[in-house]
Amino acid sequence: MDIRVQESAFDLGAETNAFAARQRGMGAIVTFTGVVRDLDDAPLRHMQIEHYPGMTERALRKIAEDAAERWPLGDALIIHRHGRLAPDDLIMMVATAARHRRDAFEAAMFLMDYLKSRAPFWKKEETAHGAAWVAAQQVDEDALEVWEMPSASRTRSGFS
């Protein structure tokens, strides 16, 4: 497992290719990339992401270890940026590898949901109207509920 919290930008193609090159005997590789999006009500000038070094990496490693306990993963990658980010900047990446696609997809979704809701990052958005800390969203909290259910009971889109 490769867990990175970094200020610098990452090359999505290079990271994806390097992750894929390390996989042996895996039948599926799933990647997801988060992008800083503009706001609906006022253009986003930038987003400032803060974290506590050490604590954040431990929390992300724990999330990845939880995924590896739930699904038979060959490997996982989490990259999450901090610092000042502009709209359209890549903010994070998750990659999972497993022998079967369902395991790779579910593990990636699990990681994404937990990163969105539980990873210790604090985000402040700055617009022409000023700056404000980003509050937790109920929809993100609701997404975690599916992972508390037995796998046979999941009804989330893409699950059967």
N, C-alpha and C. Protein backbone atom coordinates (compact mmCIF):
# COMPACT_ATOMS: atom_id res chain seq x y z
N MET A 1 0.84 -1.18 0.00
CA MET A 1 0.00 0.00 0.00
C MET A 1 0.88 1.24 0.00
N ASP A 2 0.49 2.18 -0.83
CA ASP A 2 1.23 3.42 -0.96
C ASP A 2 0.30 4.55 -0.55
N ILE A 3 0.64 5.24 0.53
CA ILE A 3 -0.17 6.33 1.06
C ILE A 3 0.70 7.59 1.03
N ARG A 4 0.21 8.63 0.35
CA ARG A 4 0.98 9.87 0.25
C ARG A 4 0.08 11.07 0.50
N VAL A 5 0.56 11.97 1.35
CA VAL A 5 -0.07 13.27 1.55
C VAL A 5 0.99 14.27 1.14
N GLN A 6 0.68 15.07 0.14
CA GLN A 6 1.71 15.93 -0.44
C GLN A 6 1.13 17.26 -0.90
N GLU A 7 1.98 18.25 -0.93
CA GLU A 7 1.58 19.57 -1.42
C GLU A 7 1.70 19.64 -2.94
N SER A 8 2.67 18.96 -3.47
CA SER A 8 2.94 19.05 -4.90
C SER A 8 1.89 18.33 -5.74
N ALA A 9 1.76 18.79 -6.97
CA ALA A 9 0.85 18.15 -7.92
C ALA A 9 1.38 16.76 -8.27
N PHE A 10 0.50 15.90 -8.75
CA PHE A 10 0.92 14.58 -9.20
C PHE A 10 0.47 14.40 -10.64
N ASP A 11 1.19 13.53 -11.35
CA ASP A 11 0.90 13.24 -12.74
C ASP A 11 0.00 12.01 -12.77
N LEU A 12 -1.26 12.22 -13.10
CA LEU A 12 -2.25 11.15 -13.08
C LEU A 12 -1.84 9.98 -13.97
N GLY A 13 -1.40 10.25 -15.17
CA GLY A 13 -0.99 9.19 -16.08
C GLY A 13 0.19 8.41 -15.55
N ALA A 14 1.20 9.11 -15.04
CA ALA A 14 2.39 8.44 -14.51
C ALA A 14 2.04 7.61 -13.29
N GLU A 15 1.21 8.15 -12.41
CA GLU A 15 0.82 7.40 -11.20
C GLU A 15 0.02 6.15 -11.57
N THR A 16 -0.91 6.29 -12.50
CA THR A 16 -1.72 5.16 -12.93
C THR A 16 -0.84 4.09 -13.58
N ASN A 17 0.05 4.51 -14.46
CA ASN A 17 0.93 3.56 -15.14
C ASN A 17 1.87 2.86 -14.15
N ALA A 18 2.41 3.60 -13.19
CA ALA A 18 3.31 3.00 -12.21
C ALA A 18 2.56 2.01 -11.32
N PHE A 19 1.35 2.37 -10.91
CA PHE A 19 0.54 1.46 -10.10
C PHE A 19 0.24 0.19 -10.88
N ALA A 20 -0.18 0.33 -12.12
CA ALA A 20 -0.52 -0.84 -12.95
C ALA A 20 0.71 -1.72 -13.18
N ALA A 21 1.86 -1.11 -13.36
CA ALA A 21 3.08 -1.88 -13.63
C ALA A 21 3.49 -2.75 -12.45
N ARG A 22 3.09 -2.37 -11.24
CA ARG A 22 3.45 -3.14 -10.04
C ARG A 22 2.54 -4.35 -9.81
N GLN A 23 1.43 -4.41 -10.53
CA GLN A 23 0.44 -5.46 -10.26
C GLN A 23 0.77 -6.74 -11.02
N ARG A 24 0.72 -7.84 -10.33
CA ARG A 24 0.92 -9.15 -10.94
C ARG A 24 -0.24 -10.04 -10.50
N GLY A 25 -0.84 -10.71 -11.47
CA GLY A 25 -1.92 -11.63 -11.16
C GLY A 25 -3.25 -10.97 -10.82
N MET A 26 -3.32 -9.67 -11.03
CA MET A 26 -4.57 -8.95 -10.75
C MET A 26 -5.39 -8.86 -12.03
N GLY A 27 -6.70 -9.05 -11.91
CA GLY A 27 -7.58 -8.98 -13.07
C GLY A 27 -8.26 -7.64 -13.22
N ALA A 28 -8.11 -6.76 -12.20
CA ALA A 28 -8.80 -5.47 -12.25
C ALA A 28 -7.99 -4.39 -11.54
N ILE A 29 -7.96 -3.23 -12.15
CA ILE A 29 -7.39 -2.04 -11.54
C ILE A 29 -8.42 -0.94 -11.69
N VAL A 30 -8.78 -0.32 -10.58
CA VAL A 30 -9.75 0.77 -10.59
C VAL A 30 -9.05 2.01 -10.07
N THR A 31 -9.26 3.13 -10.77
CA THR A 31 -8.71 4.40 -10.30
C THR A 31 -9.83 5.44 -10.23
N PHE A 32 -9.65 6.36 -9.32
CA PHE A 32 -10.55 7.51 -9.18
C PHE A 32 -9.67 8.72 -8.89
N THR A 33 -10.00 9.82 -9.50
CA THR A 33 -9.27 11.06 -9.27
C THR A 33 -10.26 12.16 -8.92
N GLY A 34 -10.02 12.81 -7.80
CA GLY A 34 -10.84 13.95 -7.38
C GLY A 34 -10.23 15.23 -7.91
N VAL A 35 -11.09 16.13 -8.36
CA VAL A 35 -10.68 17.40 -8.95
C VAL A 35 -11.35 18.53 -8.18
N VAL A 36 -10.61 19.60 -7.90
CA VAL A 36 -11.20 20.76 -7.25
C VAL A 36 -12.21 21.36 -8.21
N ARG A 37 -13.45 21.44 -7.79
CA ARG A 37 -14.49 21.98 -8.67
C ARG A 37 -14.85 23.39 -8.23
N ASP A 38 -15.32 24.15 -9.20
CA ASP A 38 -15.77 25.51 -8.94
C ASP A 38 -17.09 25.44 -8.18
N LEU A 39 -17.48 26.53 -7.58
CA LEU A 39 -18.71 26.59 -6.80
C LEU A 39 -19.85 27.11 -7.66
N ASP A 40 -21.07 26.76 -7.29
CA ASP A 40 -22.23 27.21 -8.05
C ASP A 40 -22.57 28.67 -7.78
N ASP A 41 -22.43 29.11 -6.53
CA ASP A 41 -22.90 30.45 -6.16
C ASP A 41 -21.88 31.57 -6.37
N ALA A 42 -20.58 31.25 -6.38
CA ALA A 42 -19.54 32.25 -6.60
C ALA A 42 -18.28 31.52 -7.08
N PRO A 43 -17.59 32.08 -8.06
CA PRO A 43 -16.38 31.40 -8.54
C PRO A 43 -15.37 31.20 -7.40
N LEU A 44 -14.80 30.02 -7.35
CA LEU A 44 -13.80 29.69 -6.34
C LEU A 44 -12.45 30.26 -6.77
N ARG A 45 -11.86 31.08 -5.93
CA ARG A 45 -10.51 31.59 -6.21
C ARG A 45 -9.49 30.49 -5.92
N HIS A 46 -9.62 29.90 -4.74
CA HIS A 46 -8.77 28.77 -4.38
C HIS A 46 -9.33 28.09 -3.13
N MET A 47 -8.82 26.90 -2.89
CA MET A 47 -9.16 26.13 -1.70
C MET A 47 -7.86 25.89 -0.93
N GLN A 48 -7.91 26.07 0.37
CA GLN A 48 -6.76 25.79 1.22
C GLN A 48 -7.07 24.53 2.02
N ILE A 49 -6.22 23.51 1.89
CA ILE A 49 -6.42 22.25 2.61
C ILE A 49 -5.33 22.12 3.66
N GLU A 50 -5.77 21.92 4.90
CA GLU A 50 -4.83 21.78 6.01
C GLU A 50 -4.95 20.38 6.59
N HIS A 51 -3.88 19.94 7.26
CA HIS A 51 -3.87 18.63 7.91
C HIS A 51 -2.77 18.62 8.96
N TYR A 52 -2.78 17.59 9.80
CA TYR A 52 -1.72 17.38 10.78
C TYR A 52 -0.82 16.27 10.27
N PRO A 53 0.41 16.60 9.86
CA PRO A 53 1.33 15.56 9.38
C PRO A 53 1.49 14.46 10.42
N GLY A 54 1.61 13.26 9.94
CA GLY A 54 1.72 12.11 10.82
C GLY A 54 0.35 11.55 11.15
N MET A 55 -0.50 12.35 11.75
CA MET A 55 -1.85 11.92 12.08
C MET A 55 -2.64 11.58 10.81
N THR A 56 -2.53 12.43 9.81
CA THR A 56 -3.28 12.22 8.57
C THR A 56 -2.82 10.96 7.87
N GLU A 57 -1.53 10.78 7.75
CA GLU A 57 -1.01 9.58 7.09
C GLU A 57 -1.44 8.30 7.82
N ARG A 58 -1.41 8.32 9.17
CA ARG A 58 -1.86 7.15 9.94
C ARG A 58 -3.34 6.87 9.69
N ALA A 59 -4.15 7.91 9.63
CA ALA A 59 -5.59 7.73 9.38
C ALA A 59 -5.83 7.15 7.99
N LEU A 60 -5.12 7.63 6.99
CA LEU A 60 -5.29 7.12 5.63
C LEU A 60 -4.81 5.67 5.53
N ARG A 61 -3.71 5.36 6.20
CA ARG A 61 -3.22 3.98 6.20
C ARG A 61 -4.25 3.06 6.85
N LYS A 62 -4.88 3.51 7.93
CA LYS A 62 -5.91 2.70 8.60
C LYS A 62 -7.09 2.46 7.68
N ILE A 63 -7.52 3.47 6.95
CA ILE A 63 -8.62 3.32 5.99
C ILE A 63 -8.24 2.29 4.92
N ALA A 64 -7.01 2.38 4.42
CA ALA A 64 -6.55 1.42 3.40
C ALA A 64 -6.46 0.01 3.97
N GLU A 65 -5.98 -0.12 5.20
CA GLU A 65 -5.91 -1.44 5.84
C GLU A 65 -7.31 -2.02 6.05
N ASP A 66 -8.26 -1.18 6.42
CA ASP A 66 -9.66 -1.64 6.55
C ASP A 66 -10.18 -2.17 5.22
N ALA A 67 -9.86 -1.47 4.13
CA ALA A 67 -10.29 -1.94 2.81
C ALA A 67 -9.66 -3.29 2.49
N ALA A 68 -8.39 -3.44 2.81
CA ALA A 68 -7.70 -4.70 2.53
C ALA A 68 -8.23 -5.86 3.37
N GLU A 69 -8.80 -5.56 4.53
CA GLU A 69 -9.43 -6.60 5.35
C GLU A 69 -10.78 -7.00 4.79
N ARG A 70 -11.49 -6.07 4.17
CA ARG A 70 -12.83 -6.34 3.63
C ARG A 70 -12.79 -7.02 2.25
N TRP A 71 -11.80 -6.67 1.43
CA TRP A 71 -11.70 -7.18 0.07
C TRP A 71 -10.31 -7.76 -0.16
N PRO A 72 -10.19 -8.78 -0.99
CA PRO A 72 -8.87 -9.36 -1.27
C PRO A 72 -8.10 -8.51 -2.29
N LEU A 73 -7.54 -7.43 -1.79
CA LEU A 73 -6.80 -6.51 -2.66
C LEU A 73 -5.37 -6.98 -2.85
N GLY A 74 -4.86 -6.76 -4.03
CA GLY A 74 -3.45 -6.97 -4.28
C GLY A 74 -2.65 -5.74 -3.86
N ASP A 75 -3.27 -4.55 -4.00
CA ASP A 75 -2.58 -3.30 -3.70
C ASP A 75 -3.58 -2.17 -3.64
N ALA A 76 -3.17 -1.08 -3.01
CA ALA A 76 -3.98 0.14 -2.98
C ALA A 76 -3.04 1.34 -2.96
N LEU A 77 -3.52 2.42 -3.52
CA LEU A 77 -2.78 3.69 -3.56
C LEU A 77 -3.74 4.80 -3.16
N ILE A 78 -3.27 5.66 -2.26
CA ILE A 78 -4.01 6.89 -1.92
C ILE A 78 -3.02 8.04 -2.00
N ILE A 79 -3.37 9.03 -2.81
CA ILE A 79 -2.61 10.28 -2.86
C ILE A 79 -3.61 11.39 -2.53
N HIS A 80 -3.27 12.24 -1.57
CA HIS A 80 -4.13 13.38 -1.25
C HIS A 80 -3.25 14.60 -1.07
N ARG A 81 -3.64 15.67 -1.73
CA ARG A 81 -2.87 16.90 -1.67
C ARG A 81 -3.34 17.79 -0.53
N HIS A 82 -2.46 18.69 -0.12
CA HIS A 82 -2.80 19.74 0.83
C HIS A 82 -2.17 21.04 0.32
N GLY A 83 -2.51 22.12 0.99
CA GLY A 83 -2.00 23.43 0.56
C GLY A 83 -3.04 24.16 -0.27
N ARG A 84 -2.57 25.07 -1.07
CA ARG A 84 -3.45 25.93 -1.88
C ARG A 84 -3.71 25.27 -3.24
N LEU A 85 -4.98 25.05 -3.54
CA LEU A 85 -5.39 24.41 -4.79
C LEU A 85 -6.42 25.28 -5.50
N ALA A 86 -6.32 25.31 -6.82
CA ALA A 86 -7.24 26.10 -7.65
C ALA A 86 -8.26 25.18 -8.31
N PRO A 87 -9.37 25.75 -8.80
CA PRO A 87 -10.32 24.93 -9.55
C PRO A 87 -9.61 24.18 -10.68
N ASP A 88 -10.00 22.95 -10.89
CA ASP A 88 -9.46 22.03 -11.89
C ASP A 88 -8.14 21.37 -11.50
N ASP A 89 -7.58 21.73 -10.33
CA ASP A 89 -6.39 21.01 -9.85
C ASP A 89 -6.80 19.62 -9.39
N LEU A 90 -5.93 18.65 -9.59
CA LEU A 90 -6.16 17.31 -9.06
C LEU A 90 -5.92 17.38 -7.55
N ILE A 91 -6.89 16.88 -6.78
CA ILE A 91 -6.79 16.96 -5.32
C ILE A 91 -6.45 15.61 -4.69
N MET A 92 -6.91 14.53 -5.29
CA MET A 92 -6.65 13.21 -4.72
C MET A 92 -6.80 12.13 -5.76
N MET A 93 -6.22 10.97 -5.43
CA MET A 93 -6.31 9.81 -6.30
C MET A 93 -6.39 8.56 -5.43
N VAL A 94 -7.24 7.64 -5.85
CA VAL A 94 -7.33 6.32 -5.23
C VAL A 94 -7.17 5.30 -6.35
N ALA A 95 -6.39 4.27 -6.09
CA ALA A 95 -6.29 3.15 -7.03
C ALA A 95 -6.34 1.86 -6.21
N THR A 96 -7.04 0.89 -6.75
CA THR A 96 -7.10 -0.43 -6.12
C THR A 96 -6.85 -1.49 -7.18
N ALA A 97 -6.26 -2.59 -6.76
CA ALA A 97 -6.03 -3.73 -7.64
C ALA A 97 -6.52 -4.99 -6.94
N ALA A 98 -7.24 -5.81 -7.67
CA ALA A 98 -7.75 -7.07 -7.12
C ALA A 98 -7.86 -8.07 -8.27
N ARG A 99 -8.01 -9.32 -7.92
CA ARG A 99 -8.15 -10.35 -8.95
C ARG A 99 -9.48 -10.19 -9.69
N HIS A 100 -10.49 -9.65 -9.02
CA HIS A 100 -11.82 -9.53 -9.61
C HIS A 100 -12.30 -8.08 -9.55
N ARG A 101 -13.02 -7.66 -10.59
CA ARG A 101 -13.43 -6.26 -10.72
C ARG A 101 -14.32 -5.78 -9.58
N ARG A 102 -15.23 -6.60 -9.13
CA ARG A 102 -16.14 -6.17 -8.07
C ARG A 102 -15.36 -5.79 -6.82
N ASP A 103 -14.37 -6.60 -6.44
CA ASP A 103 -13.55 -6.28 -5.27
C ASP A 103 -12.81 -4.96 -5.47
N ALA A 104 -12.25 -4.76 -6.65
CA ALA A 104 -11.51 -3.53 -6.92
C ALA A 104 -12.43 -2.31 -6.89
N PHE A 105 -13.61 -2.43 -7.51
CA PHE A 105 -14.57 -1.32 -7.51
C PHE A 105 -15.08 -1.01 -6.10
N GLU A 106 -15.51 -2.03 -5.39
CA GLU A 106 -16.06 -1.80 -4.05
C GLU A 106 -15.01 -1.22 -3.12
N ALA A 107 -13.80 -1.74 -3.17
CA ALA A 107 -12.74 -1.21 -2.31
C ALA A 107 -12.45 0.25 -2.65
N ALA A 108 -12.42 0.59 -3.93
CA ALA A 108 -12.18 1.99 -4.32
C ALA A 108 -13.32 2.89 -3.83
N MET A 109 -14.56 2.43 -3.97
CA MET A 109 -15.69 3.24 -3.49
C MET A 109 -15.62 3.42 -1.98
N PHE A 110 -15.30 2.36 -1.26
CA PHE A 110 -15.13 2.43 0.19
C PHE A 110 -14.08 3.47 0.55
N LEU A 111 -12.92 3.40 -0.10
CA LEU A 111 -11.86 4.36 0.19
C LEU A 111 -12.31 5.79 -0.10
N MET A 112 -12.96 5.99 -1.23
CA MET A 112 -13.42 7.34 -1.59
C MET A 112 -14.42 7.87 -0.57
N ASP A 113 -15.38 7.03 -0.18
CA ASP A 113 -16.39 7.47 0.79
C ASP A 113 -15.76 7.82 2.13
N TYR A 114 -14.84 7.00 2.60
CA TYR A 114 -14.20 7.28 3.88
C TYR A 114 -13.25 8.47 3.80
N LEU A 115 -12.56 8.64 2.68
CA LEU A 115 -11.70 9.80 2.53
C LEU A 115 -12.52 11.09 2.56
N LYS A 116 -13.65 11.08 1.91
CA LYS A 116 -14.51 12.27 1.85
C LYS A 116 -15.07 12.64 3.22
N SER A 117 -15.36 11.65 4.04
CA SER A 117 -16.06 11.92 5.30
C SER A 117 -15.20 11.83 6.54
N ARG A 118 -14.16 11.00 6.53
CA ARG A 118 -13.44 10.73 7.77
C ARG A 118 -11.96 11.11 7.76
N ALA A 119 -11.41 11.36 6.61
CA ALA A 119 -9.99 11.72 6.57
C ALA A 119 -9.79 13.08 7.23
N PRO A 120 -8.76 13.21 8.05
CA PRO A 120 -8.55 14.46 8.79
C PRO A 120 -7.91 15.57 7.95
N PHE A 121 -8.74 16.14 7.08
CA PHE A 121 -8.35 17.31 6.30
C PHE A 121 -9.36 18.41 6.60
N TRP A 122 -8.90 19.64 6.61
CA TRP A 122 -9.78 20.79 6.80
C TRP A 122 -9.64 21.67 5.57
N LYS A 123 -10.80 22.02 4.99
CA LYS A 123 -10.80 22.74 3.72
C LYS A 123 -11.47 24.11 3.90
N LYS A 124 -10.79 25.12 3.38
CA LYS A 124 -11.33 26.48 3.39
C LYS A 124 -11.40 26.96 1.95
N GLU A 125 -12.58 27.44 1.56
CA GLU A 125 -12.79 27.95 0.21
C GLU A 125 -12.78 29.47 0.23
N GLU A 126 -12.08 30.05 -0.76
CA GLU A 126 -12.06 31.51 -0.88
C GLU A 126 -12.71 31.91 -2.19
N THR A 127 -13.71 32.79 -2.09
CA THR A 127 -14.40 33.35 -3.25
C THR A 127 -14.32 34.87 -3.16
N ALA A 128 -14.94 35.55 -4.11
CA ALA A 128 -15.00 37.02 -4.08
C ALA A 128 -15.78 37.50 -2.85
N HIS A 129 -16.61 36.62 -2.27
CA HIS A 129 -17.42 36.98 -1.09
C HIS A 129 -16.67 36.75 0.22
N GLY A 130 -15.47 36.17 0.17
CA GLY A 130 -14.71 35.90 1.37
C GLY A 130 -14.32 34.43 1.47
N ALA A 131 -13.86 34.06 2.66
CA ALA A 131 -13.40 32.69 2.89
C ALA A 131 -14.30 32.01 3.91
N ALA A 132 -14.49 30.70 3.73
CA ALA A 132 -15.31 29.92 4.67
C ALA A 132 -14.81 28.49 4.71
N TRP A 133 -14.82 27.91 5.91
CA TRP A 133 -14.48 26.51 6.07
C TRP A 133 -15.59 25.65 5.49
N VAL A 134 -15.22 24.56 4.87
CA VAL A 134 -16.19 23.65 4.26
C VAL A 134 -16.77 22.76 5.35
N ALA A 135 -18.08 22.76 5.46
CA ALA A 135 -18.77 21.93 6.46
C ALA A 135 -19.02 20.53 5.91
N ALA A 136 -19.15 19.60 6.82
CA ALA A 136 -19.49 18.22 6.43
C ALA A 136 -20.85 18.22 5.74
N GLN A 137 -20.99 17.36 4.75
CA GLN A 137 -22.24 17.24 4.00
C GLN A 137 -22.97 15.98 4.42
N GLN A 138 -24.27 16.07 4.62
CA GLN A 138 -25.04 14.90 5.03
C GLN A 138 -24.99 13.79 3.98
N VAL A 139 -24.96 14.16 2.72
CA VAL A 139 -24.89 13.15 1.66
C VAL A 139 -23.63 12.31 1.79
N ASP A 140 -22.52 12.93 2.22
CA ASP A 140 -21.27 12.18 2.42
C ASP A 140 -21.37 11.26 3.62
N GLU A 141 -22.02 11.73 4.67
CA GLU A 141 -22.24 10.88 5.84
C GLU A 141 -23.15 9.71 5.49
N ASP A 142 -24.18 9.97 4.72
CA ASP A 142 -25.12 8.92 4.31
C ASP A 142 -24.42 7.84 3.48
N ALA A 143 -23.42 8.25 2.69
CA ALA A 143 -22.71 7.29 1.85
C ALA A 143 -21.98 6.24 2.68
N LEU A 144 -21.62 6.58 3.91
CA LEU A 144 -20.91 5.63 4.77
C LEU A 144 -21.81 4.51 5.26
N GLU A 145 -23.11 4.78 5.34
CA GLU A 145 -24.04 3.77 5.87
C GLU A 145 -24.00 2.48 5.08
N VAL A 146 -23.80 2.55 3.79
CA VAL A 146 -23.80 1.34 2.96
C VAL A 146 -22.69 0.39 3.40
N TRP A 147 -21.60 0.93 3.92
CA TRP A 147 -20.46 0.09 4.31
C TRP A 147 -20.67 -0.58 5.65
N GLU A 148 -21.69 -0.17 6.38
CA GLU A 148 -22.02 -0.80 7.66
C GLU A 148 -22.92 -2.01 7.46
N MET A 149 -23.51 -2.14 6.26
CA MET A 149 -24.41 -3.25 5.96
C MET A 149 -23.61 -4.48 5.53
N PRO A 150 -24.18 -5.67 5.77
CA PRO A 150 -23.55 -6.86 5.19
C PRO A 150 -23.52 -6.73 3.67
N SER A 151 -22.49 -7.26 3.03
CA SER A 151 -22.33 -7.09 1.59
C SER A 151 -23.53 -7.57 0.80
N ALA A 152 -24.22 -8.59 1.26
CA ALA A 152 -25.38 -9.11 0.53
C ALA A 152 -26.55 -8.13 0.55
N SER A 153 -26.54 -7.16 1.47
CA SER A 153 -27.67 -6.23 1.60
C SER A 153 -27.44 -4.90 0.91
N ARG A 154 -26.28 -4.66 0.34
CA ARG A 154 -25.98 -3.37 -0.26
C ARG A 154 -26.85 -3.13 -1.47
N THR A 155 -27.39 -1.91 -1.56
CA THR A 155 -28.23 -1.55 -2.70
C THR A 155 -27.68 -0.29 -3.37
N ARG A 156 -26.50 0.14 -3.01
CA ARG A 156 -25.91 1.33 -3.62
C ARG A 156 -25.75 1.12 -5.11
N SER A 157 -25.84 2.18 -5.87
CA SER A 157 -25.68 2.10 -7.32
C SER A 157 -24.41 1.32 -7.66
N GLY A 158 -24.54 0.35 -8.53
CA GLY A 158 -23.40 -0.44 -8.92
C GLY A 158 -23.25 -1.72 -8.12
N PHE A 159 -24.01 -1.85 -7.05
CA PHE A 159 -23.94 -3.06 -6.23
C PHE A 159 -25.19 -3.86 -6.49
N SER A 160 -25.12 -5.17 -6.31
CA SER A 160 -26.32 -5.99 -6.44
C SER A 160 -26.36 -7.00 -5.32
